[in-house]
C-alpha atoms as a PDB file:
ATOM      1  CA  MET A   1     -51.326  27.468  11.819  1.00  0.00           C
ATOM      2  CA  ALA A   2     -50.211  23.944  11.086  1.00  0.00           C
ATOM      3  CA  GLN A   3     -49.785  24.916   7.498  1.00  0.00           C
ATOM      4  CA  SER A   4     -47.313  27.740   8.246  1.00  0.00           C
ATOM      5  CA  GLY A   5     -45.269  25.341  10.421  1.00  0.00           C
ATOM      6  CA  SER A   6     -44.887  22.947   7.517  1.00  0.00           C
ATOM      7  CA  ASP A   7     -43.842  25.879   5.288  1.00  0.00           C
ATOM      8  CA  LEU A   8     -41.058  26.606   7.741  1.00  0.00           C
ATOM      9  CA  ALA A   9     -39.927  22.995   7.662  1.00  0.00           C
ATOM     10  CA  VAL A  10     -39.814  23.060   3.875  1.00  0.00           C
ATOM     11  CA  ARG A  11     -37.860  26.309   3.896  1.00  0.00           C
ATOM     12  CA  ARG A  12     -35.393  24.932   6.420  1.00  0.00           C
ATOM     13  CA  THR A  13     -34.874  21.912   4.222  1.00  0.00           C
ATOM     14  CA  ARG A  14     -34.273  24.165   1.237  1.00  0.00           C
ATOM     15  CA  VAL A  15     -31.836  26.334   3.209  1.00  0.00           C
ATOM     16  CA  TRP A  16     -29.936  23.274   4.424  1.00  0.00           C
ATOM     17  CA  GLY A  17     -29.944  21.879   0.906  1.00  0.00           C
ATOM     18  CA  LEU A  18     -28.568  25.138  -0.493  1.00  0.00           C
ATOM     19  CA  LEU A  19     -25.939  25.328   2.244  1.00  0.00           C
ATOM     20  CA  SER A  20     -24.931  21.715   1.631  1.00  0.00           C
ATOM     21  CA  GLY A  21     -24.668  22.331  -2.110  1.00  0.00           C
ATOM     22  CA  LEU A  22     -22.634  25.487  -1.536  1.00  0.00           C
ATOM     23  CA  LEU A  23     -20.324  23.587   0.822  1.00  0.00           C
ATOM     24  CA  VAL A  24     -19.768  20.893  -1.808  1.00  0.00           C
ATOM     25  CA  VAL A  25     -18.983  23.514  -4.493  1.00  0.00           C
ATOM     26  CA  VAL A  26     -16.539  25.332  -2.194  1.00  0.00           C
ATOM     27  CA  GLY A  27     -14.881  22.023  -1.289  1.00  0.00           C
ATOM     28  CA  ILE A  28     -14.438  21.060  -4.941  1.00  0.00           C
ATOM     29  CA  ALA A  29     -13.045  24.513  -5.750  1.00  0.00           C
ATOM     30  CA  ALA A  30     -10.590  24.294  -2.832  1.00  0.00           C
ATOM     31  CA  LEU A  31      -9.473  20.842  -3.949  1.00  0.00           C
ATOM     32  CA  ALA A  32      -8.967  22.104  -7.532  1.00  0.00           C
ATOM     33  CA  VAL A  33      -6.874  25.057  -6.312  1.00  0.00           C
ATOM     34  CA  TRP A  34      -4.789  22.798  -4.064  1.00  0.00           C
ATOM     35  CA  HIS A  35      -4.234  20.321  -6.916  1.00  0.00           C
ATOM     36  CA  SER A  36      -3.202  23.063  -9.351  1.00  0.00           C
ATOM     37  CA  GLN A  37      -0.503  24.281  -6.970  1.00  0.00           C
ATOM     38  CA  HIS A  38       0.976  20.874  -6.105  1.00  0.00           C
ATOM     39  CA  PRO A  39       2.576  19.313  -9.192  1.00  0.00           C
ATOM     40  CA  ALA A  40       4.590  16.111  -8.955  1.00  0.00           C
ATOM     41  CA  PRO A  41       8.068  16.738  -7.507  1.00  0.00           C
ATOM     42  CA  LEU A  42      11.107  17.098  -9.750  1.00  0.00           C
ATOM     43  CA  THR A  43      14.261  15.017  -9.304  1.00  0.00           C
ATOM     44  CA  VAL A  44      16.958  16.488  -7.063  1.00  0.00           C
ATOM     45  CA  GLU A  45      20.254  14.698  -7.619  1.00  0.00           C
ATOM     46  CA  GLU A  46      22.773  13.844  -4.896  1.00  0.00           C
ATOM     47  CA  ARG A  47      25.766  14.502  -7.153  1.00  0.00           C
ATOM     48  CA  THR A  48      27.715  17.752  -7.420  1.00  0.00           C
ATOM     49  CA  VAL A  49      29.034  19.048 -10.744  1.00  0.00           C
ATOM     50  CA  THR A  50      32.517  20.546 -10.465  1.00  0.00           C
ATOM     51  CA  ALA A  51      34.326  22.892 -12.810  1.00  0.00           C
ATOM     52  CA  THR A  52      37.490  24.950 -12.840  1.00  0.00           C
ATOM     53  CA  VAL A  53      38.021  27.935 -15.109  1.00  0.00           C
ATOM     54  CA  PRO A  54      40.455  30.866 -15.326  1.00  0.00           C
ATOM     55  CA  VAL A  55      39.410  34.405 -14.432  1.00  0.00           C
ATOM     56  CA  ASP A  56      37.310  36.214 -17.088  1.00  0.00           C
ATOM     57  CA  GLN A  57      36.394  32.998 -18.906  1.00  0.00           C
ATOM     58  CA  ALA A  58      32.858  31.618 -18.781  1.00  0.00           C
ATOM     59  CA  VAL A  59      32.206  28.017 -17.881  1.00  0.00           C
ATOM     60  CA  TYR A  60      28.877  26.353 -18.624  1.00  0.00           C
ATOM     61  CA  VAL A  61      27.713  23.847 -16.026  1.00  0.00           C
ATOM     62  CA  GLY A  62      24.825  21.475 -16.733  1.00  0.00           C
ATOM     63  CA  VAL A  63      22.738  21.124 -13.598  1.00  0.00           C
ATOM     64  CA  ALA A  64      19.290  19.808 -14.575  1.00  0.00           C
ATOM     65  CA  ALA A  65      17.778  17.696 -17.344  1.00  0.00           C
ATOM     66  CA  ALA A  66      14.141  17.712 -18.333  1.00  0.00           C
ATOM     67  CA  PRO A  67      12.057  15.310 -16.226  1.00  0.00           C
ATOM     68  CA  THR A  68      11.344  12.035 -17.993  1.00  0.00           C
ATOM     69  CA  GLY A  69       8.067  12.127 -19.921  1.00  0.00           C
ATOM     70  CA  ARG A  70       7.193  15.662 -18.835  1.00  0.00           C
ATOM     71  CA  THR A  71       7.152  19.022 -20.621  1.00  0.00           C
ATOM     72  CA  LEU A  72       7.433  22.088 -18.409  1.00  0.00           C
ATOM     73  CA  HIS A  73       6.476  25.633 -19.435  1.00  0.00           C
ATOM     74  CA  LEU A  74       9.047  27.718 -17.565  1.00  0.00           C
ATOM     75  CA  SER A  75       8.324  31.044 -15.927  1.00  0.00           C
ATOM     76  CA  GLY A  76      11.874  31.331 -14.603  1.00  0.00           C
ATOM     77  CA  VAL A  77      14.862  29.697 -12.942  1.00  0.00           C
ATOM     78  CA  LYS A  78      16.019  30.680  -9.458  1.00  0.00           C
ATOM     79  CA  VAL A  79      19.671  30.165  -8.556  1.00  0.00           C
ATOM     80  CA  HIS A  80      21.186  30.407  -5.074  1.00  0.00           C
ATOM     81  CA  THR A  81      24.966  30.825  -4.994  1.00  0.00           C
ATOM     82  CA  THR A  82      27.370  31.185  -2.091  1.00  0.00           C
ATOM     83  CA  SER A  83      30.829  32.495  -2.964  1.00  0.00           C
ATOM     84  CA  ASN A  84      33.822  34.219  -1.416  1.00  0.00           C
ATOM     85  CA  THR A  85      33.649  37.068  -3.971  1.00  0.00           C
ATOM     86  CA  ASP A  86      31.409  38.354  -6.766  1.00  0.00           C
ATOM     87  CA  VAL A  87      30.503  35.650  -9.270  1.00  0.00           C
ATOM     88  CA  GLU A  88      28.043  36.058 -12.133  1.00  0.00           C
ATOM     89  CA  VAL A  89      25.722  33.061 -12.522  1.00  0.00           C
ATOM     90  CA  THR A  90      23.227  33.105 -15.394  1.00  0.00           C
ATOM     91  CA  PRO A  91      20.711  30.291 -15.992  1.00  0.00           C
ATOM     92  CA  LEU A  92      20.234  29.234 -19.621  1.00  0.00           C
ATOM     93  CA  LEU A  93      18.169  26.643 -21.457  1.00  0.00           C
ATOM     94  CA  CYS A  94      20.260  24.251 -23.552  1.00  0.00           C
ATOM     95  CA  ARG A  95      18.124  23.174 -26.515  1.00  0.00           C
ATOM     96  CA  ASP A  96      18.582  19.599 -27.739  1.00  0.00           C
ATOM     97  CA  GLY A  97      21.493  18.768 -25.501  1.00  0.00           C
ATOM     98  CA  ARG A  98      23.016  18.127 -22.146  1.00  0.00           C
ATOM     99  CA  LEU A  99      26.464  18.872 -20.798  1.00  0.00           C
ATOM    100  CA  GLU A 100      28.440  18.432 -17.597  1.00  0.00           C
ATOM    101  CA  ALA A 101      30.907  21.359 -17.659  1.00  0.00           C
ATOM    102  CA  THR A 102      32.529  23.072 -20.639  1.00  0.00           C
ATOM    103  CA  THR A 103      33.764  26.400 -21.962  1.00  0.00           C
ATOM    104  CA  GLU A 104      32.304  25.611 -25.396  1.00  0.00           C
ATOM    105  CA  PRO A 105      28.589  24.787 -25.007  1.00  0.00           C
ATOM    106  CA  GLU A 106      27.929  25.072 -28.751  1.00  0.00           C
ATOM    107  CA  ALA A 107      29.335  21.551 -29.133  1.00  0.00           C
ATOM    108  CA  TYR A 108      26.559  20.191 -26.901  1.00  0.00           C
ATOM    109  CA  CYS A 109      23.563  22.497 -27.376  1.00  0.00           C
ATOM    110  CA  SER A 110      21.841  23.499 -30.612  1.00  0.00           C
ATOM    111  CA  GLU A 111      21.200  26.873 -28.917  1.00  0.00           C
ATOM    112  CA  LEU A 112      21.360  28.536 -25.501  1.00  0.00           C
ATOM    113  CA  VAL A 113      18.403  30.756 -24.609  1.00  0.00           C
ATOM    114  CA  ASN A 114      16.950  32.611 -21.659  1.00  0.00           C
ATOM    115  CA  PRO A 115      14.690  30.003 -19.987  1.00  0.00           C
ATOM    116  CA  GLU A 116      11.993  32.491 -18.939  1.00  0.00           C
ATOM    117  CA  GLY A 117       8.824  31.904 -20.978  1.00  0.00           C
ATOM    118  CA  THR A 118      10.191  28.852 -22.811  1.00  0.00           C
ATOM    119  CA  THR A 119       9.398  25.132 -22.706  1.00  0.00           C
ATOM    120  CA  LEU A 120      11.736  22.567 -21.142  1.00  0.00           C
ATOM    121  CA  GLY A 121      11.274  19.516 -23.350  1.00  0.00           C
ATOM    122  CA  VAL A 122      12.611  15.976 -23.120  1.00  0.00           C
ATOM    123  CA  ALA A 123      15.832  16.762 -25.032  1.00  0.00           C
ATOM    124  CA  ASP A 124      16.601  20.023 -23.179  1.00  0.00           C
ATOM    125  CA  SER A 125      18.523  20.880 -20.019  1.00  0.00           C
ATOM    126  CA  ILE A 126      19.258  23.766 -17.676  1.00  0.00           C
ATOM    127  CA  VAL A 127      22.806  25.143 -17.839  1.00  0.00           C
ATOM    128  CA  LEU A 128      24.447  27.786 -15.653  1.00  0.00           C
ATOM    129  CA  ARG A 129      26.922  30.244 -17.176  1.00  0.00           C
ATOM    130  CA  VAL A 130      29.439  31.105 -14.441  1.00  0.00           C
ATOM    131  CA  THR A 131      32.078  33.821 -14.723  1.00  0.00           C
ATOM    132  CA  SER A 132      34.134  36.054 -12.443  1.00  0.00           C
ATOM    133  CA  ASP A 133      36.724  38.769 -12.942  1.00  0.00           C
ATOM    134  CA  GLN A 134      38.660  37.620  -9.870  1.00  0.00           C
ATOM    135  CA  PRO A 135      39.604  34.274  -8.290  1.00  0.00           C
ATOM    136  CA  ALA A 136      36.630  32.701  -6.536  1.00  0.00           C
ATOM    137  CA  VAL A 137      34.943  29.573  -5.292  1.00  0.00           C
ATOM    138  CA  ALA A 138      31.192  29.383  -5.950  1.00  0.00           C
ATOM    139  CA  VAL A 139      28.922  26.788  -4.382  1.00  0.00           C
ATOM    140  CA  ILE A 140      25.619  26.592  -6.247  1.00  0.00           C
ATOM    141  CA  ASP A 141      22.524  24.865  -4.863  1.00  0.00           C
ATOM    142  CA  PRO A 142      20.175  22.857  -7.112  1.00  0.00           C
ATOM    143  CA  VAL A 143      18.119  25.319  -9.157  1.00  0.00           C
ATOM    144  CA  ARG A 144      14.442  26.030  -8.520  1.00  0.00           C
ATOM    145  CA  LEU A 145      12.234  25.972 -11.604  1.00  0.00           C
ATOM    146  CA  GLY A 146       9.115  28.092 -11.775  1.00  0.00           C
ATOM    147  CA  PHE A 147       6.858  26.222 -14.180  1.00  0.00           C
ATOM    148  CA  ARG A 148       3.433  25.218 -15.394  1.00  0.00           C
ATOM    149  CA  GLU A 149       2.574  21.673 -16.420  1.00  0.00           C
ATOM    150  CA  SER A 150      -0.906  21.108 -17.784  1.00  0.00           C
ATOM    151  CA  LEU A 151      -3.214  22.703 -15.188  1.00  0.00           C
ATOM    152  CA  GLN A 152      -0.607  22.642 -12.412  1.00  0.00           C
ATOM    153  CA  TRP A 153       2.077  25.157 -11.541  1.00  0.00           C
ATOM    154  CA  GLY A 154       4.757  25.549  -8.930  1.00  0.00           C
ATOM    155  CA  THR A 155       8.350  26.390  -8.081  1.00  0.00           C
ATOM    156  CA  LEU A 156      10.347  23.293  -7.191  1.00  0.00           C
ATOM    157  CA  PRO A 157      14.025  22.370  -6.775  1.00  0.00           C
ATOM    158  CA  THR A 158      15.619  20.114  -9.364  1.00  0.00           C
ATOM    159  CA  GLY A 159      18.943  18.855 -10.636  1.00  0.00           C
ATOM    160  CA  ALA A 160      22.380  18.816  -9.085  1.00  0.00           C
ATOM    161  CA  GLY A 161      24.397  21.337  -7.146  1.00  0.00           C
ATOM    162  CA  ALA A 162      27.698  22.670  -8.462  1.00  0.00           C
ATOM    163  CA  VAL A 163      31.083  23.905  -7.247  1.00  0.00           C
ATOM    164  CA  VAL A 164      32.963  26.220  -9.596  1.00  0.00           C
ATOM    165  CA  ARG A 165      36.542  27.330  -8.949  1.00  0.00           C
ATOM    166  CA  VAL A 166      37.718  30.445 -10.766  1.00  0.00           C
ATOM    167  CA  LEU A 167      41.521  30.521 -10.783  1.00  0.00           C
ATOM    168  CA  ALA A 168      43.950  33.396 -11.336  1.00  0.00           C
ATOM    169  CA  ARG A 169      45.741  33.346 -14.684  1.00  0.00           C
END
């Protein structure tokens, strides 16, 4: 009988060892998942970009530059706008350039592309194309970038806010 008691003790030790090992593996996996979903924050600027444009003319407002020393693989750009009437706001990626506010972005960007599925590199920036067919005032919050960086991903705010005034002709 003494022998079967020692078998139980060995089995208990093995069970506790397996449970401890499983707990360590689960803990490491949880830490890896947490780390992958918490990338370093992006810079949110205190400034506000302002622009004024006549009705039915697009203005391009630069709101966010690429973070220093980082390359982000974008899954999308979220824009929140408050306005007194309908205003169309379209996020674009400005390749090899940065601008404040202009009606002619070609002078500042080598190309403007849909940011979804592209890479935001060190020379690139996020631009908003704003237009309205009637007078309006649009207040735009800093954009939120959905992105992946190395093994991390997230959706974080970045850049500056904007106020765009669309005036009657």
